[in-house]
C-alpha cells in the first residue's frame, strides 16, 4: 500500500511569494530523497494574503498595467509557472497545494487523471457537504452555473512531482477582489462562493476535515495530519512558514473601487 499523504492546515493567511518558495523547497527535498524512497507526499491547505497571480502563458509586458493597478488597491502581484491565466487568492478562500509523487501510482498517474481527480474532489465537497450541485463546463475549474466560478485549478508537474493546485471560495470576501479583474481569461464569468449560495456565514476552518477526507478518497491514499515536530527538514520548513505568517501581521481589506466592466 502507498505511503500516506501528510496534510497541514495553516491557521494564518500566508504571503504568496514565500509560500511559493516553500513549495520549491519541498519539491527539492522530495527529489533528493526519492532515490532512497524516503520522500513524503504532502497536502498544504491554507489561505493567502490578497494576491493576484499570472500563469506561465502571460509575459511581463502583457500584465504590466494590471500589476500596477492591482498593487495600488492593496494586493500583491506575482508571476508564476503554473498553468492558467490571471487569478486571485486571499482570505476566505481555501488554497490546496498537493505536493505528490505521481510515480507512486501504478501505472504512473498522468496529469489529465491528476487534474480530473482534483476537480472531482472539489465538486464532491460542494455536493456532499453543502448540497450544492456544480454545473458542467468546458473550462477547467468548478462552476455554480455557466457564468459563476467557485473553484480554480492550476498545476505544474516536474519529474512526476506536483506543485501548485486548487482554490475554492468559501466566504464572500474573495468576490470583491475577483471583480477587479477578468479572472482566468473568462470575460463573461464572475466569482461565487459557498457563503453566497447558502446565504449564511461559513467557517473556513470547518471545511478542512471534509475536504481532506474526500481528497484521500479520490486519490486513493490515507490522509495523516502532519506532526511538524517529527518531520525533520520538512516539518521545520512548515513551522518557519507559520512563524513568518504571524510576524507579517495584517493584510489588505477587500477593495471598494469599481470593478472591471
Protein backbone atom coordinates (compact mmCIF):
# COMPACT_ATOMS: atom_id res chain seq x y z
CA UNK A 1 0.00 0.00 0.00
CA UNK A 2 1.24 3.51 -0.81
CA UNK A 3 2.54 5.69 1.99
CA UNK A 4 0.06 8.21 3.46
CA UNK A 5 -0.24 11.81 2.36
CA UNK A 6 0.69 14.19 5.16
CA UNK A 7 -1.56 17.26 5.34
CA UNK A 8 -1.17 20.55 7.17
CA UNK A 9 -3.62 23.44 7.55
CA UNK A 10 -2.07 26.88 8.16
CA UNK A 11 -4.15 28.97 10.56
CA UNK A 12 -2.85 32.38 9.41
CA UNK A 13 -3.04 33.67 5.79
CA UNK A 14 0.33 33.26 4.09
CA UNK A 15 2.29 35.60 1.81
CA UNK A 16 2.24 34.10 -1.68
CA UNK A 17 5.89 34.54 -2.69
CA UNK A 18 7.17 32.90 0.49
CA UNK A 19 4.67 30.05 0.11
CA UNK A 20 5.84 29.53 -3.46
CA UNK A 21 9.38 29.24 -2.11
CA UNK A 22 8.13 26.66 0.43
CA UNK A 23 6.68 24.56 -2.39
CA UNK A 24 10.01 24.71 -4.21
CA UNK A 25 11.85 23.73 -1.03
CA UNK A 26 9.61 20.70 -0.53
CA UNK A 27 9.87 19.77 -4.23
CA UNK A 28 13.68 19.80 -4.00
CA UNK A 29 13.57 17.75 -0.78
CA UNK A 30 11.28 15.16 -2.39
CA UNK A 31 13.54 14.94 -5.43
CA UNK A 32 16.68 14.47 -3.34
CA UNK A 33 15.10 11.79 -1.13
CA UNK A 34 13.17 9.88 -3.80
CA UNK A 35 16.02 7.55 -4.77
CA UNK A 36 16.03 6.22 -1.20
CA UNK A 37 12.22 6.06 -1.07
CA UNK A 38 12.27 8.38 1.94
CA UNK A 39 10.33 11.31 0.47
CA UNK A 40 6.88 12.27 1.81
CA UNK A 41 3.79 13.28 -0.16
CA UNK A 42 2.21 16.44 1.26
CA UNK A 43 -1.03 18.42 1.00
CA UNK A 44 -0.73 22.03 2.20
CA UNK A 45 -4.07 23.74 2.94
CA UNK A 46 -4.16 27.47 3.59
CA UNK A 47 -5.45 30.94 2.89
CA UNK A 48 -3.27 33.53 1.18
CA UNK A 49 -2.92 37.20 1.90
CA UNK A 50 -4.55 39.13 -1.01
CA UNK A 51 -2.59 38.35 -4.18
CA UNK A 52 -3.15 38.23 -7.92
CA UNK A 53 -1.09 35.64 -9.79
CA UNK A 54 -0.37 35.35 -13.50
CA UNK A 55 0.19 31.96 -15.17
CA UNK A 56 3.08 30.97 -17.40
CA UNK A 57 1.17 31.88 -20.58
CA UNK A 58 1.33 35.56 -19.64
CA UNK A 59 4.53 37.55 -20.02
CA UNK A 60 5.63 40.61 -18.04
CA UNK A 61 4.68 43.06 -20.83
CA UNK A 62 1.12 41.75 -21.08
CA UNK A 63 0.40 42.17 -17.35
CA UNK A 64 2.43 45.34 -16.57
CA UNK A 65 -0.55 47.72 -16.42
CA UNK A 66 -2.68 45.24 -14.44
CA UNK A 67 0.14 44.73 -11.96
CA UNK A 68 0.36 48.48 -11.29
CA UNK A 69 -3.40 48.88 -10.90
CA UNK A 70 -3.86 45.87 -8.62
CA UNK A 71 -0.95 46.60 -6.33
CA UNK A 72 -2.35 50.11 -5.92
CA UNK A 73 -5.54 48.66 -4.37
CA UNK A 74 -3.54 46.72 -1.80
CA UNK A 75 -2.87 43.27 -3.29
CA UNK A 76 0.41 41.58 -4.15
CA UNK A 77 1.04 40.57 -7.77
CA UNK A 78 3.19 37.54 -8.65
CA UNK A 79 4.03 35.86 -11.98
CA UNK A 80 4.15 32.07 -11.62
CA UNK A 81 4.99 28.92 -13.59
CA UNK A 82 1.59 27.27 -13.07
CA UNK A 83 -0.92 26.65 -15.82
CA UNK A 84 -3.84 29.04 -16.36
CA UNK A 85 -4.09 32.81 -16.52
CA UNK A 86 -4.64 35.70 -14.09
CA UNK A 87 -6.45 34.76 -10.89
CA UNK A 88 -6.82 35.85 -7.27
CA UNK A 89 -6.10 34.22 -3.92
CA UNK A 90 -6.89 35.62 -0.49
CA UNK A 91 -8.67 35.28 2.85
CA UNK A 92 -11.98 33.41 2.69
CA UNK A 93 -10.65 31.02 0.06
CA UNK A 94 -9.12 27.60 0.70
CA UNK A 95 -5.99 27.02 -1.36
CA UNK A 96 -4.64 23.50 -1.65
CA UNK A 97 -1.11 22.65 -2.76
CA UNK A 98 -0.74 18.87 -3.27
CA UNK A 99 2.97 18.03 -3.47
CA UNK A 100 2.70 14.44 -4.68
CA UNK A 101 4.90 11.92 -6.47
CA UNK A 102 2.70 10.66 -9.30
CA UNK A 103 5.07 7.72 -9.88
CA UNK A 104 3.81 6.24 -6.60
CA UNK A 105 0.77 5.13 -8.57
CA UNK A 106 0.94 2.05 -10.77
CA UNK A 107 0.96 2.86 -13.58
CA UNK A 108 2.27 6.42 -13.03
CA UNK A 109 -0.71 8.78 -12.80
CA UNK A 110 -0.99 11.06 -15.84
CA UNK A 111 -1.57 14.79 -15.49
CA UNK A 112 -5.07 14.57 -17.01
CA UNK A 113 -6.11 11.98 -14.41
CA UNK A 114 -4.44 14.03 -11.66
CA UNK A 115 -6.41 17.16 -12.58
CA UNK A 116 -9.65 15.21 -13.06
CA UNK A 117 -9.43 13.78 -9.53
CA UNK A 118 -8.75 17.26 -8.16
CA UNK A 119 -11.82 18.68 -9.86
CA UNK A 120 -13.97 15.79 -8.65
CA UNK A 121 -12.72 16.36 -5.09
CA UNK A 122 -13.97 19.97 -5.16
CA UNK A 123 -17.25 19.06 -6.83
CA UNK A 124 -17.99 16.27 -4.33
CA UNK A 125 -17.16 18.60 -1.44
CA UNK A 126 -19.83 21.01 -2.66
CA UNK A 127 -22.38 18.23 -3.19
CA UNK A 128 -21.82 16.13 -0.08
CA UNK A 129 -21.00 18.81 2.48
CA UNK A 130 -23.20 21.68 1.24
CA UNK A 131 -25.86 20.24 -1.07
CA UNK A 132 -24.57 22.43 -3.92
CA UNK A 133 -24.72 20.93 -7.42
CA UNK A 134 -21.88 22.22 -9.62
CA UNK A 135 -22.51 23.00 -13.28
CA UNK A 136 -20.58 21.18 -16.01
CA UNK A 137 -18.34 23.46 -18.07
CA UNK A 138 -15.93 23.22 -20.99
CA UNK A 139 -13.45 25.17 -18.84
CA UNK A 140 -11.19 23.78 -16.13
CA UNK A 141 -12.43 24.66 -12.65
CA UNK A 142 -15.68 24.39 -10.73
CA UNK A 143 -18.75 26.39 -11.73
CA UNK A 144 -22.05 27.05 -9.98
CA UNK A 145 -23.62 27.97 -13.33
CA UNK A 146 -22.17 28.86 -16.76
CA UNK A 147 -21.20 32.37 -15.59
CA UNK A 148 -20.27 31.82 -11.93
CA UNK A 149 -17.00 30.15 -10.95
CA UNK A 150 -16.34 28.97 -7.40
CA UNK A 151 -13.16 26.89 -7.75
CA UNK A 152 -9.95 27.08 -9.79
CA UNK A 153 -7.22 24.61 -10.73
CA UNK A 154 -3.71 25.37 -11.96
CA UNK A 155 -0.93 22.82 -11.61
CA UNK A 156 2.65 22.11 -12.55
CA UNK A 157 4.34 18.69 -12.80
CA UNK A 158 8.14 18.31 -12.92
CA UNK A 159 9.95 14.97 -12.59
CA UNK A 160 6.50 13.48 -11.84
CA UNK A 161 6.32 15.69 -8.71
CA UNK A 162 3.38 18.12 -8.47
CA UNK A 163 3.24 21.74 -7.32
CA UNK A 164 0.53 24.46 -7.27
CA UNK A 165 -3.02 23.09 -7.11
CA UNK A 166 -6.57 24.30 -6.44
CA UNK A 167 -8.62 27.01 -4.74
CA UNK A 168 -12.22 27.10 -3.52
CA UNK A 169 -14.11 30.22 -2.48
CA UNK A 170 -15.68 29.64 0.93
CA UNK A 171 -16.75 33.08 2.22
CA UNK A 172 -17.96 36.04 0.17
CA UNK A 173 -14.77 38.02 0.84
CA UNK A 174 -12.86 36.93 -2.31
CA UNK A 175 -15.68 38.01 -4.64
CA UNK A 176 -14.94 41.77 -4.45
CA UNK A 177 -11.29 41.07 -5.31
CA UNK A 178 -12.22 38.84 -8.25
CA UNK A 179 -14.50 41.58 -9.56
CA UNK A 180 -11.41 43.74 -10.16
CA UNK A 181 -10.14 41.51 -12.97
CA UNK A 182 -11.07 39.21 -15.82
CA UNK A 183 -10.13 36.07 -13.93
CA UNK A 184 -8.75 33.04 -15.78
CA UNK A 185 -9.27 34.82 -19.10
CA UNK A 186 -13.07 34.35 -18.93
CA UNK A 187 -14.62 37.76 -19.61
CA UNK A 188 -18.24 36.70 -19.01
CA UNK A 189 -17.58 34.78 -15.77
CA UNK A 190 -17.80 36.14 -12.21
CA UNK A 191 -16.77 34.60 -8.89
CA UNK A 192 -19.13 32.88 -6.47
CA UNK A 193 -18.73 31.36 -3.01
CA UNK A 194 -20.29 28.74 -0.75
CA UNK A 195 -21.37 31.51 1.62
CA UNK A 196 -23.09 33.34 -1.24
CA UNK A 197 -25.09 30.24 -2.18
CA UNK A 198 -26.02 29.29 1.36
CA UNK A 199 -26.88 32.83 2.43
CA UNK A 200 -25.26 32.45 5.85
CA UNK A 201 -21.77 32.67 7.37
CA UNK A 202 -19.48 29.69 6.68
CA UNK A 203 -16.42 28.89 8.79
CA UNK A 204 -13.44 28.18 6.56
CA UNK A 205 -11.62 26.02 9.10
CA UNK A 206 -14.68 23.79 9.43
CA UNK A 207 -14.33 22.90 5.73
CA UNK A 208 -10.92 21.28 6.17
CA UNK A 209 -11.84 17.83 7.59
CA UNK A 210 -14.39 17.07 4.87
CA UNK A 211 -12.13 18.30 2.10
CA UNK A 212 -9.20 16.23 3.39
CA UNK A 213 -11.35 13.10 3.60
CA UNK A 214 -12.54 13.47 0.01
CA UNK A 215 -9.04 14.20 -1.24
CA UNK A 216 -7.86 10.93 0.27
CA UNK A 217 -10.76 9.01 -1.30
CA UNK A 218 -10.26 10.44 -4.78
CA UNK A 219 -6.50 9.91 -4.74
CA UNK A 220 -6.86 6.53 -3.01
CA UNK A 221 -4.48 7.40 -0.18
CA UNK A 222 -4.58 7.56 3.58
CA UNK A 223 -4.50 11.13 4.90
CA UNK A 224 -2.48 11.80 8.08
CA UNK A 225 -2.17 15.16 9.80
CA UNK A 226 1.46 16.26 9.80
CA UNK A 227 3.30 16.33 13.12
CA UNK A 228 5.69 19.15 12.24
CA UNK A 229 7.87 18.42 15.26
CA UNK A 230 8.55 14.92 13.97
CA UNK A 231 9.16 15.50 10.25
CA UNK A 232 12.73 16.78 10.17
CA UNK A 233 13.54 19.32 7.46
CA UNK A 234 10.00 19.14 6.06
CA UNK A 235 8.40 19.89 9.43
CA UNK A 236 10.87 22.66 10.17
CA UNK A 237 10.09 24.37 6.85
CA UNK A 238 6.36 24.30 7.64
CA UNK A 239 6.94 25.64 11.17
CA UNK A 240 9.07 28.51 9.82
CA UNK A 241 6.29 29.38 7.38
CA UNK A 242 3.76 29.50 10.24
CA UNK A 243 6.02 31.81 12.24
CA UNK A 244 6.65 34.12 9.30
CA UNK A 245 2.93 34.46 8.61
CA UNK A 246 2.33 35.52 12.21
CA UNK A 247 5.15 38.07 12.08
CA UNK A 248 3.93 39.74 8.87
CA UNK A 249 0.71 40.88 10.55
CA UNK A 250 -2.47 42.23 8.97
CA UNK A 251 -3.39 42.32 5.27
CA UNK A 252 -5.43 44.50 2.93
CA UNK A 253 -9.22 44.55 3.17
CA UNK A 254 -11.48 43.97 0.17
CA UNK A 255 -11.34 46.78 -2.45
CA UNK A 256 -14.12 49.34 -2.75
CA UNK A 257 -13.14 50.62 -6.20
CA UNK A 258 -15.48 49.99 -9.10
CA UNK A 259 -14.99 46.57 -10.67
CA UNK A 260 -13.65 46.00 -14.16
CA UNK A 261 -16.53 46.34 -16.64
